[in-house]
Amino acid sequence: MLTLGGREFDVIASSTIEWDVTLLNLVQGCGLADVTMYAGETAEGMAHRVFRSLMSSPAVFEILGCVLIPAGTDPLEWRPPLMHEQAEFIRRLHLPADKAAINSHIKNIVAGFFLQGIVSVRTLPNASNALNGAAPPSSPSPPASSTESSENGE
């Protein structure tokens, strides 16, 4: 259970096929359906990069609205209008505690994407591929360097 703006939410881990397709489309819309791990990039560095990609996309609110449902609501009753309603509520949150809870939950979502196989990971065989444009076109950031990984203390 997650409390945001005084409301309690349950996290949907699995629901209808409509929910599955909606979530997959939202994730693909963020460019996160096929993530490449660059040579020399740590799993933590890649996770930070995915987190930044998610946080830089306006779809993050719909993704949160997709995976959060009012506490006590049957996940099988989930529908896109409910997602949009939750997304609008989340967009308006402004208290530091709510923002911290959202950041934490998004990090959990990123981990969940990998665990559930919603996001697939490819690895590049060597660094020269990454330098020669092998990064996916939807990747918003260049390959993470070892200094970038150590500078991100998220």
Protein backbone atom coordinates (compact mmCIF):
# COMPACT_ATOMS: atom_id res chain seq x y z
CA MET A 1 0.00 0.00 0.00
CA LEU A 2 1.16 3.52 -0.84
CA THR A 3 -0.22 6.77 0.57
CA LEU A 4 -0.09 9.84 -1.66
CA GLY A 5 -1.82 13.14 -0.99
CA GLY A 6 -3.81 11.58 1.82
CA ARG A 7 -5.17 8.80 -0.40
CA GLU A 8 -4.22 5.15 -0.12
CA PHE A 9 -3.32 3.12 -3.18
CA ASP A 10 -2.66 -0.54 -3.85
CA VAL A 11 -0.03 -1.54 -6.37
CA ILE A 12 -1.31 -3.64 -9.25
CA ALA A 13 1.08 -6.46 -10.06
CA SER A 14 -1.18 -8.24 -12.51
CA SER A 15 -4.60 -7.59 -13.96
CA THR A 16 -6.51 -7.92 -17.20
CA ILE A 17 -5.05 -8.20 -20.69
CA GLU A 18 -6.22 -4.62 -21.25
CA TRP A 19 -4.02 -3.54 -18.31
CA ASP A 20 -1.06 -5.56 -19.65
CA VAL A 21 -1.36 -4.02 -23.11
CA THR A 22 -1.84 -0.50 -21.75
CA LEU A 23 1.21 -0.75 -19.49
CA LEU A 24 3.35 -2.22 -22.27
CA ASN A 25 2.30 0.59 -24.64
CA LEU A 26 3.14 3.22 -22.04
CA VAL A 27 6.54 1.67 -21.38
CA GLN A 28 7.27 1.44 -25.12
CA GLY A 29 6.19 5.06 -25.49
CA CYS A 30 8.97 6.02 -23.08
CA GLY A 31 11.48 4.16 -25.23
CA LEU A 32 12.01 1.57 -22.53
CA ALA A 33 10.80 -1.64 -24.12
CA ASP A 34 14.27 -2.60 -25.32
CA VAL A 35 17.05 -1.25 -23.13
CA THR A 36 20.69 -1.75 -24.02
CA MET A 37 23.29 -2.22 -21.31
CA TYR A 38 26.42 -0.56 -22.58
CA ALA A 39 29.82 -2.20 -22.28
CA GLY A 40 31.32 -1.22 -18.94
CA GLU A 41 27.98 0.00 -17.61
CA THR A 42 26.96 -1.43 -14.26
CA ALA A 43 23.46 -2.72 -13.57
CA GLU A 44 23.07 0.17 -11.14
CA GLY A 45 24.15 2.66 -13.81
CA MET A 46 21.68 1.20 -16.26
CA ALA A 47 18.91 1.34 -13.65
CA HIS A 48 19.68 5.03 -13.04
CA ARG A 49 19.53 5.66 -16.79
CA VAL A 50 16.16 3.88 -17.07
CA PHE A 51 14.90 5.86 -14.05
CA ARG A 52 15.95 9.14 -15.72
CA SER A 53 14.27 8.09 -18.97
CA LEU A 54 11.07 7.33 -17.13
CA MET A 55 11.18 10.55 -15.11
CA SER A 56 11.80 12.64 -18.24
CA SER A 57 8.71 11.28 -19.97
CA PRO A 58 5.25 12.80 -19.49
CA ALA A 59 3.94 9.22 -19.64
CA VAL A 60 5.32 8.64 -16.13
CA PHE A 61 2.02 9.92 -14.70
CA GLU A 62 -0.03 7.48 -16.77
CA ILE A 63 2.34 4.66 -15.81
CA LEU A 64 1.81 5.53 -12.14
CA GLY A 65 -1.93 5.77 -12.79
CA CYS A 66 -1.77 2.36 -14.43
CA VAL A 67 0.05 0.58 -11.61
CA LEU A 68 -1.67 2.35 -8.69
CA ILE A 69 -5.32 1.76 -7.90
CA PRO A 70 -7.37 3.16 -5.02
CA ALA A 71 -6.94 0.90 -1.98
CA GLY A 72 -9.54 -1.83 -1.81
CA THR A 73 -10.42 -1.65 -5.53
CA ASP A 74 -10.43 -4.97 -7.35
CA PRO A 75 -7.56 -4.88 -9.90
CA LEU A 76 -9.84 -6.67 -12.37
CA GLU A 77 -12.03 -3.54 -12.33
CA TRP A 78 -9.14 -1.42 -13.67
CA ARG A 79 -9.99 0.61 -16.78
CA PRO A 80 -8.14 3.38 -18.68
CA PRO A 81 -10.42 6.14 -17.33
CA LEU A 82 -9.35 5.15 -13.80
CA MET A 83 -5.71 5.35 -14.90
CA HIS A 84 -6.26 8.88 -16.23
CA GLU A 85 -8.04 9.91 -13.03
CA GLN A 86 -5.14 8.63 -10.90
CA ALA A 87 -2.59 10.28 -13.21
CA GLU A 88 -4.32 13.66 -12.87
CA PHE A 89 -4.35 13.34 -9.09
CA ILE A 90 -0.64 12.43 -9.02
CA ARG A 91 0.27 15.34 -11.34
CA ARG A 92 -1.07 17.80 -8.77
CA LEU A 93 0.86 16.47 -5.77
CA HIS A 94 3.32 18.99 -4.36
CA LEU A 95 4.34 18.05 -0.82
CA PRO A 96 7.95 16.87 -0.40
CA ALA A 97 6.79 13.65 1.27
CA ASP A 98 4.56 12.83 -1.71
CA LYS A 99 7.36 13.61 -4.18
CA ALA A 100 9.75 11.38 -2.23
CA ALA A 101 7.19 8.57 -2.17
CA ILE A 102 6.65 8.91 -5.92
CA ASN A 103 10.40 8.83 -6.63
CA SER A 104 10.76 5.76 -4.47
CA HIS A 105 7.82 4.07 -6.15
CA ILE A 106 9.15 4.83 -9.62
CA LYS A 107 12.42 3.15 -8.64
CA ASN A 108 10.38 0.13 -7.54
CA ILE A 109 8.53 0.23 -10.85
CA VAL A 110 11.83 0.20 -12.76
CA ALA A 111 12.96 -2.86 -10.79
CA GLY A 112 9.57 -4.48 -11.38
CA PHE A 113 9.79 -3.91 -15.14
CA PHE A 114 12.92 -6.02 -15.25
CA LEU A 115 11.62 -8.67 -12.87
CA GLN A 116 8.38 -9.07 -14.82
CA GLY A 117 10.15 -9.04 -18.17
CA ILE A 118 8.21 -6.00 -19.40
CA VAL A 119 11.56 -4.43 -20.30
CA SER A 120 14.08 -6.60 -22.11
CA VAL A 121 17.78 -5.98 -21.76
CA ARG A 122 20.38 -6.34 -24.46
CA THR A 123 24.10 -6.08 -23.83
CA LEU A 124 26.59 -4.72 -26.29
CA PRO A 125 29.59 -6.98 -26.82
CA ASN A 126 32.16 -4.17 -26.68
CA ALA A 127 32.45 -0.48 -26.05
CA SER A 128 33.24 0.32 -29.70
CA ASN A 129 29.67 -0.63 -30.65
CA ALA A 130 28.30 1.93 -28.21
CA LEU A 131 30.66 4.56 -29.58
CA ASN A 132 29.69 3.76 -33.17
CA GLY A 133 26.02 4.57 -32.71
CA ALA A 134 24.75 1.21 -31.47
CA ALA A 135 22.64 2.90 -28.80
CA PRO A 136 18.92 2.50 -29.46
CA PRO A 137 17.41 5.60 -31.08
CA SER A 138 14.98 6.02 -28.20
CA SER A 139 17.77 6.23 -25.62
CA PRO A 140 17.71 9.77 -24.20
CA SER A 141 21.22 9.55 -22.72
CA PRO A 142 24.63 8.58 -24.04
CA PRO A 143 26.29 5.49 -22.62
CA ALA A 144 26.91 5.86 -18.90
CA SER A 145 30.52 6.34 -17.96
CA SER A 146 32.12 5.11 -14.78
CA THR A 147 32.18 8.68 -13.45
CA GLU A 148 28.49 9.14 -14.15
CA SER A 149 27.62 5.99 -12.22
CA SER A 150 29.63 7.15 -9.22
CA GLU A 151 28.20 10.68 -9.33
CA ASN A 152 24.58 9.55 -9.20
CA GLY A 153 23.76 8.98 -5.59
CA GLU A 154 20.10 8.18 -6.10
